[in-house]
Amino acid sequence: MPLLGAHVSIAGGIYKAPSLAREIGCQSMQIFTRNASQWHAELVKPEEIAPFRKALQDTGISPVLVHDSYLINLASPDPDLRGKSMAAFRAEMERCEALGISGLVTHPGAHRGAGEDRGIELFVQSMNRLLQAQQGGRVKILLEITAGQGTSLGYRFEHLARMITGIE
């Protein structure tokens, strides 16, 4: 049977999201672990982890996915932006691990004029470095297809296929 899920707000505390999802009739949910439009993000507060996990257990909401920040661009040809993006993505992975969430949704990024081939190459390099550093983590990375505006990557299944086969 298909699952019904929604992107649910974490306003007032991340531990409130599972109850909100259940109230609107969901079996599954997606959340942001932080403000998706800002670079700065706090780690998950230790006092929020147990209540969040208990709320998941009490409501039966599963699976739970996290969507990363909209600012992250792992395909950027600008090394400073790519480095900042990698640090932010690594922090997203750590928040997922702390909360016991197994799936992290990301957009492949934008090549910003470097060309699709170079953008895909940079995305794959970035993701390989991130996954190597993760060492034994349980978080699966989920690539979200895009609409293809501007220099965005991932608007063709061929892009996603090249990324998936390039990731070690």
C-alpha atoms as a PDB file:
ATOM      1  CA  MET A   1       0.000   0.000   0.000  1.00  0.00           C
ATOM      2  CA  PRO A   2       1.390   3.447  -0.881  1.00  0.00           C
ATOM      3  CA  LEU A   3       2.472   5.736   1.928  1.00  0.00           C
ATOM      4  CA  LEU A   4       1.082   9.223   2.322  1.00  0.00           C
ATOM      5  CA  GLY A   5       3.593  11.805   3.462  1.00  0.00           C
ATOM      6  CA  ALA A   6       4.164  15.535   3.507  1.00  0.00           C
ATOM      7  CA  HIS A   7       6.863  18.066   4.207  1.00  0.00           C
ATOM      8  CA  VAL A   8       6.135  19.019   7.817  1.00  0.00           C
ATOM      9  CA  SER A   9       7.160  22.095   9.779  1.00  0.00           C
ATOM     10  CA  ILE A  10       9.558  21.829  12.735  1.00  0.00           C
ATOM     11  CA  ALA A  11       8.333  25.129  14.227  1.00  0.00           C
ATOM     12  CA  GLY A  12       8.346  24.997  18.007  1.00  0.00           C
ATOM     13  CA  GLY A  13      10.750  22.060  18.091  1.00  0.00           C
ATOM     14  CA  ILE A  14      11.724  19.221  15.808  1.00  0.00           C
ATOM     15  CA  TYR A  15      10.062  16.709  18.151  1.00  0.00           C
ATOM     16  CA  LYS A  16       6.638  18.184  17.272  1.00  0.00           C
ATOM     17  CA  ALA A  17       6.859  17.232  13.590  1.00  0.00           C
ATOM     18  CA  PRO A  18       5.792  13.555  13.922  1.00  0.00           C
ATOM     19  CA  SER A  19       2.590  14.494  15.771  1.00  0.00           C
ATOM     20  CA  LEU A  20       1.814  17.147  13.168  1.00  0.00           C
ATOM     21  CA  ALA A  21       2.336  14.599  10.398  1.00  0.00           C
ATOM     22  CA  ARG A  22       0.022  12.136  12.129  1.00  0.00           C
ATOM     23  CA  GLU A  23      -2.633  14.849  12.686  1.00  0.00           C
ATOM     24  CA  ILE A  24      -2.824  15.538   8.946  1.00  0.00           C
ATOM     25  CA  GLY A  25      -3.113  11.832   8.125  1.00  0.00           C
ATOM     26  CA  CYS A  26       0.454  11.012   7.096  1.00  0.00           C
ATOM     27  CA  GLN A  27       2.342   7.769   7.573  1.00  0.00           C
ATOM     28  CA  SER A  28       5.632   9.309   6.416  1.00  0.00           C
ATOM     29  CA  MET A  29       7.170  12.785   6.485  1.00  0.00           C
ATOM     30  CA  GLN A  30       9.972  14.983   5.247  1.00  0.00           C
ATOM     31  CA  ILE A  31      11.457  17.793   7.329  1.00  0.00           C
ATOM     32  CA  PHE A  32      14.219  20.350   7.353  1.00  0.00           C
ATOM     33  CA  THR A  33      16.464  19.967  10.382  1.00  0.00           C
ATOM     34  CA  ARG A  34      17.219  23.696  10.220  1.00  0.00           C
ATOM     35  CA  ASN A  35      16.368  26.886   8.364  1.00  0.00           C
ATOM     36  CA  ALA A  36      16.881  25.869   4.720  1.00  0.00           C
ATOM     37  CA  SER A  37      17.627  29.405   3.537  1.00  0.00           C
ATOM     38  CA  GLN A  38      20.553  30.230   5.847  1.00  0.00           C
ATOM     39  CA  TRP A  39      24.108  28.962   5.995  1.00  0.00           C
ATOM     40  CA  HIS A  40      24.386  28.996   9.774  1.00  0.00           C
ATOM     41  CA  ALA A  41      22.891  25.966  11.475  1.00  0.00           C
ATOM     42  CA  GLU A  42      23.116  24.670  14.999  1.00  0.00           C
ATOM     43  CA  LEU A  43      23.711  21.036  15.769  1.00  0.00           C
ATOM     44  CA  VAL A  44      20.678  19.149  16.998  1.00  0.00           C
ATOM     45  CA  LYS A  45      20.296  19.879  20.688  1.00  0.00           C
ATOM     46  CA  PRO A  46      20.849  16.701  22.710  1.00  0.00           C
ATOM     47  CA  GLU A  47      17.666  17.377  24.675  1.00  0.00           C
ATOM     48  CA  GLU A  48      15.645  17.232  21.419  1.00  0.00           C
ATOM     49  CA  ILE A  49      16.898  13.843  20.232  1.00  0.00           C
ATOM     50  CA  ALA A  50      15.108  11.550  22.693  1.00  0.00           C
ATOM     51  CA  PRO A  51      11.734  13.379  22.421  1.00  0.00           C
ATOM     52  CA  PHE A  52      11.972  13.282  18.610  1.00  0.00           C
ATOM     53  CA  ARG A  53      12.714   9.561  18.564  1.00  0.00           C
ATOM     54  CA  LYS A  54       9.930   8.895  21.088  1.00  0.00           C
ATOM     55  CA  ALA A  55       7.473  10.905  18.974  1.00  0.00           C
ATOM     56  CA  LEU A  56       8.418   8.811  15.953  1.00  0.00           C
ATOM     57  CA  GLN A  57       7.869   5.624  17.933  1.00  0.00           C
ATOM     58  CA  ASP A  58       4.565   6.840  19.400  1.00  0.00           C
ATOM     59  CA  THR A  59       3.153   8.002  16.054  1.00  0.00           C
ATOM     60  CA  GLY A  60       4.624   5.271  13.858  1.00  0.00           C
ATOM     61  CA  ILE A  61       5.721   7.863  11.304  1.00  0.00           C
ATOM     62  CA  SER A  62       8.144   6.135   8.960  1.00  0.00           C
ATOM     63  CA  PRO A  63      10.099   6.625   6.858  1.00  0.00           C
ATOM     64  CA  VAL A  64      11.325  10.083   7.741  1.00  0.00           C
ATOM     65  CA  LEU A  65      13.399  12.026   5.243  1.00  0.00           C
ATOM     66  CA  VAL A  66      15.338  15.251   5.629  1.00  0.00           C
ATOM     67  CA  HIS A  67      15.744  17.795   2.845  1.00  0.00           C
ATOM     68  CA  ASP A  68      19.051  19.632   2.875  1.00  0.00           C
ATOM     69  CA  SER A  69      19.515  23.393   2.683  1.00  0.00           C
ATOM     70  CA  TYR A  70      18.610  25.109  -0.565  1.00  0.00           C
ATOM     71  CA  LEU A  71      21.950  26.950  -0.471  1.00  0.00           C
ATOM     72  CA  ILE A  72      24.065  23.816  -0.850  1.00  0.00           C
ATOM     73  CA  ASN A  73      25.696  23.463  -4.283  1.00  0.00           C
ATOM     74  CA  LEU A  74      28.036  20.461  -4.472  1.00  0.00           C
ATOM     75  CA  ALA A  75      28.478  21.029  -8.228  1.00  0.00           C
ATOM     76  CA  SER A  76      29.715  24.612  -7.985  1.00  0.00           C
ATOM     77  CA  PRO A  77      32.906  25.447  -9.900  1.00  0.00           C
ATOM     78  CA  ASP A  78      33.695  28.021  -7.188  1.00  0.00           C
ATOM     79  CA  PRO A  79      35.904  26.136  -4.692  1.00  0.00           C
ATOM     80  CA  ASP A  80      34.879  28.390  -1.791  1.00  0.00           C
ATOM     81  CA  LEU A  81      31.155  27.840  -2.378  1.00  0.00           C
ATOM     82  CA  ARG A  82      31.687  24.120  -2.946  1.00  0.00           C
ATOM     83  CA  GLY A  83      33.704  23.879   0.293  1.00  0.00           C
ATOM     84  CA  LYS A  84      31.033  25.754   2.227  1.00  0.00           C
ATOM     85  CA  SER A  85      28.413  23.494   0.651  1.00  0.00           C
ATOM     86  CA  MET A  86      30.325  20.369   1.624  1.00  0.00           C
ATOM     87  CA  ALA A  87      30.610  21.557   5.231  1.00  0.00           C
ATOM     88  CA  ALA A  88      26.873  22.306   5.335  1.00  0.00           C
ATOM     89  CA  PHE A  89      26.020  18.929   3.772  1.00  0.00           C
ATOM     90  CA  ARG A  90      28.290  17.114   6.231  1.00  0.00           C
ATOM     91  CA  ALA A  91      26.440  18.870   9.074  1.00  0.00           C
ATOM     92  CA  GLU A  92      23.113  17.766   7.541  1.00  0.00           C
ATOM     93  CA  MET A  93      24.370  14.173   7.533  1.00  0.00           C
ATOM     94  CA  GLU A  94      25.417  14.497  11.182  1.00  0.00           C
ATOM     95  CA  ARG A  95      22.000  15.848  12.171  1.00  0.00           C
ATOM     96  CA  CYS A  96      20.348  12.921  10.366  1.00  0.00           C
ATOM     97  CA  GLU A  97      22.604  10.448  12.198  1.00  0.00           C
ATOM     98  CA  ALA A  98      21.875  12.068  15.570  1.00  0.00           C
ATOM     99  CA  LEU A  99      18.116  11.902  14.981  1.00  0.00           C
ATOM    100  CA  GLY A 100      18.172   8.362  13.560  1.00  0.00           C
ATOM    101  CA  ILE A 101      16.942   9.503  10.130  1.00  0.00           C
ATOM    102  CA  SER A 102      18.135   7.321   7.277  1.00  0.00           C
ATOM    103  CA  GLY A 103      17.422   9.461   4.182  1.00  0.00           C
ATOM    104  CA  LEU A 104      18.777  12.851   3.134  1.00  0.00           C
ATOM    105  CA  VAL A 105      17.283  14.474   0.009  1.00  0.00           C
ATOM    106  CA  THR A 106      19.479  16.803  -2.037  1.00  0.00           C
ATOM    107  CA  HIS A 107      19.358  18.680  -5.296  1.00  0.00           C
ATOM    108  CA  PRO A 108      22.391  17.874  -7.477  1.00  0.00           C
ATOM    109  CA  GLY A 109      23.350  21.545  -7.691  1.00  0.00           C
ATOM    110  CA  ALA A 110      24.138  23.975 -10.496  1.00  0.00           C
ATOM    111  CA  HIS A 111      27.186  24.117 -12.746  1.00  0.00           C
ATOM    112  CA  ARG A 112      27.055  27.956 -12.845  1.00  0.00           C
ATOM    113  CA  GLY A 113      28.445  28.196 -16.362  1.00  0.00           C
ATOM    114  CA  ALA A 114      31.105  25.471 -16.148  1.00  0.00           C
ATOM    115  CA  GLY A 115      28.962  23.091 -18.231  1.00  0.00           C
ATOM    116  CA  GLU A 116      26.907  20.052 -17.326  1.00  0.00           C
ATOM    117  CA  ASP A 117      29.799  17.579 -17.664  1.00  0.00           C
ATOM    118  CA  ARG A 118      32.015  19.589 -15.294  1.00  0.00           C
ATOM    119  CA  GLY A 119      29.139  20.135 -12.870  1.00  0.00           C
ATOM    120  CA  ILE A 120      28.379  16.422 -12.717  1.00  0.00           C
ATOM    121  CA  GLU A 121      32.080  15.680 -12.238  1.00  0.00           C
ATOM    122  CA  LEU A 122      32.300  18.162  -9.339  1.00  0.00           C
ATOM    123  CA  PHE A 123      29.118  16.802  -7.743  1.00  0.00           C
ATOM    124  CA  VAL A 124      30.481  13.249  -7.896  1.00  0.00           C
ATOM    125  CA  GLN A 125      33.848  14.325  -6.438  1.00  0.00           C
ATOM    126  CA  SER A 126      32.113  16.209  -3.622  1.00  0.00           C
ATOM    127  CA  MET A 127      29.773  13.339  -2.811  1.00  0.00           C
ATOM    128  CA  ASN A 128      32.607  10.785  -2.830  1.00  0.00           C
ATOM    129  CA  ARG A 129      34.580  12.893  -0.357  1.00  0.00           C
ATOM    130  CA  LEU A 130      31.531  13.318   1.879  1.00  0.00           C
ATOM    131  CA  LEU A 131      30.641   9.629   1.858  1.00  0.00           C
ATOM    132  CA  GLN A 132      34.242   8.565   2.512  1.00  0.00           C
ATOM    133  CA  ALA A 133      34.328  10.874   5.526  1.00  0.00           C
ATOM    134  CA  GLN A 134      31.018   9.462   6.772  1.00  0.00           C
ATOM    135  CA  GLN A 135      32.572   6.022   7.415  1.00  0.00           C
ATOM    136  CA  GLY A 136      29.874   3.611   8.463  1.00  0.00           C
ATOM    137  CA  GLY A 137      27.029   6.088   8.630  1.00  0.00           C
ATOM    138  CA  ARG A 138      23.513   4.927   7.899  1.00  0.00           C
ATOM    139  CA  VAL A 139      22.295   7.995   6.002  1.00  0.00           C
ATOM    140  CA  LYS A 140      21.307   7.303   2.398  1.00  0.00           C
ATOM    141  CA  ILE A 141      21.561  10.178  -0.052  1.00  0.00           C
ATOM    142  CA  LEU A 142      18.496  10.676  -2.246  1.00  0.00           C
ATOM    143  CA  LEU A 143      18.893  12.731  -5.419  1.00  0.00           C
ATOM    144  CA  GLU A 144      15.881  14.874  -6.258  1.00  0.00           C
ATOM    145  CA  ILE A 145      15.138  15.545  -9.893  1.00  0.00           C
ATOM    146  CA  THR A 146      14.953  19.244 -10.763  1.00  0.00           C
ATOM    147  CA  ALA A 147      12.950  21.353 -13.198  1.00  0.00           C
ATOM    148  CA  GLY A 148      16.060  22.424 -15.115  1.00  0.00           C
ATOM    149  CA  GLN A 149      15.983  26.169 -14.579  1.00  0.00           C
ATOM    150  CA  GLY A 150      19.187  28.126 -15.057  1.00  0.00           C
ATOM    151  CA  THR A 151      22.277  25.926 -14.829  1.00  0.00           C
ATOM    152  CA  SER A 152      20.677  23.341 -12.526  1.00  0.00           C
ATOM    153  CA  LEU A 153      21.728  19.744 -12.902  1.00  0.00           C
ATOM    154  CA  GLY A 154      19.489  16.743 -12.408  1.00  0.00           C
ATOM    155  CA  TYR A 155      16.684  17.711 -14.770  1.00  0.00           C
ATOM    156  CA  ARG A 156      17.464  14.663 -16.908  1.00  0.00           C
ATOM    157  CA  PHE A 157      17.572  11.066 -15.740  1.00  0.00           C
ATOM    158  CA  GLU A 158      20.876  10.771 -17.613  1.00  0.00           C
ATOM    159  CA  HIS A 159      22.379  13.316 -15.208  1.00  0.00           C
ATOM    160  CA  LEU A 160      21.238  11.300 -12.211  1.00  0.00           C
ATOM    161  CA  ALA A 161      22.467   8.053 -13.770  1.00  0.00           C
ATOM    162  CA  ARG A 162      25.950   9.528 -14.318  1.00  0.00           C
ATOM    163  CA  MET A 163      26.022  10.806 -10.760  1.00  0.00           C
ATOM    164  CA  ILE A 164      24.919   7.508  -9.275  1.00  0.00           C
ATOM    165  CA  THR A 165      27.405   5.457 -11.296  1.00  0.00           C
ATOM    166  CA  GLY A 166      30.228   7.897 -10.448  1.00  0.00           C
ATOM    167  CA  ILE A 167      29.668   7.732  -6.703  1.00  0.00           C
ATOM    168  CA  GLU A 168      31.900   5.101  -5.133  1.00  0.00           C
END
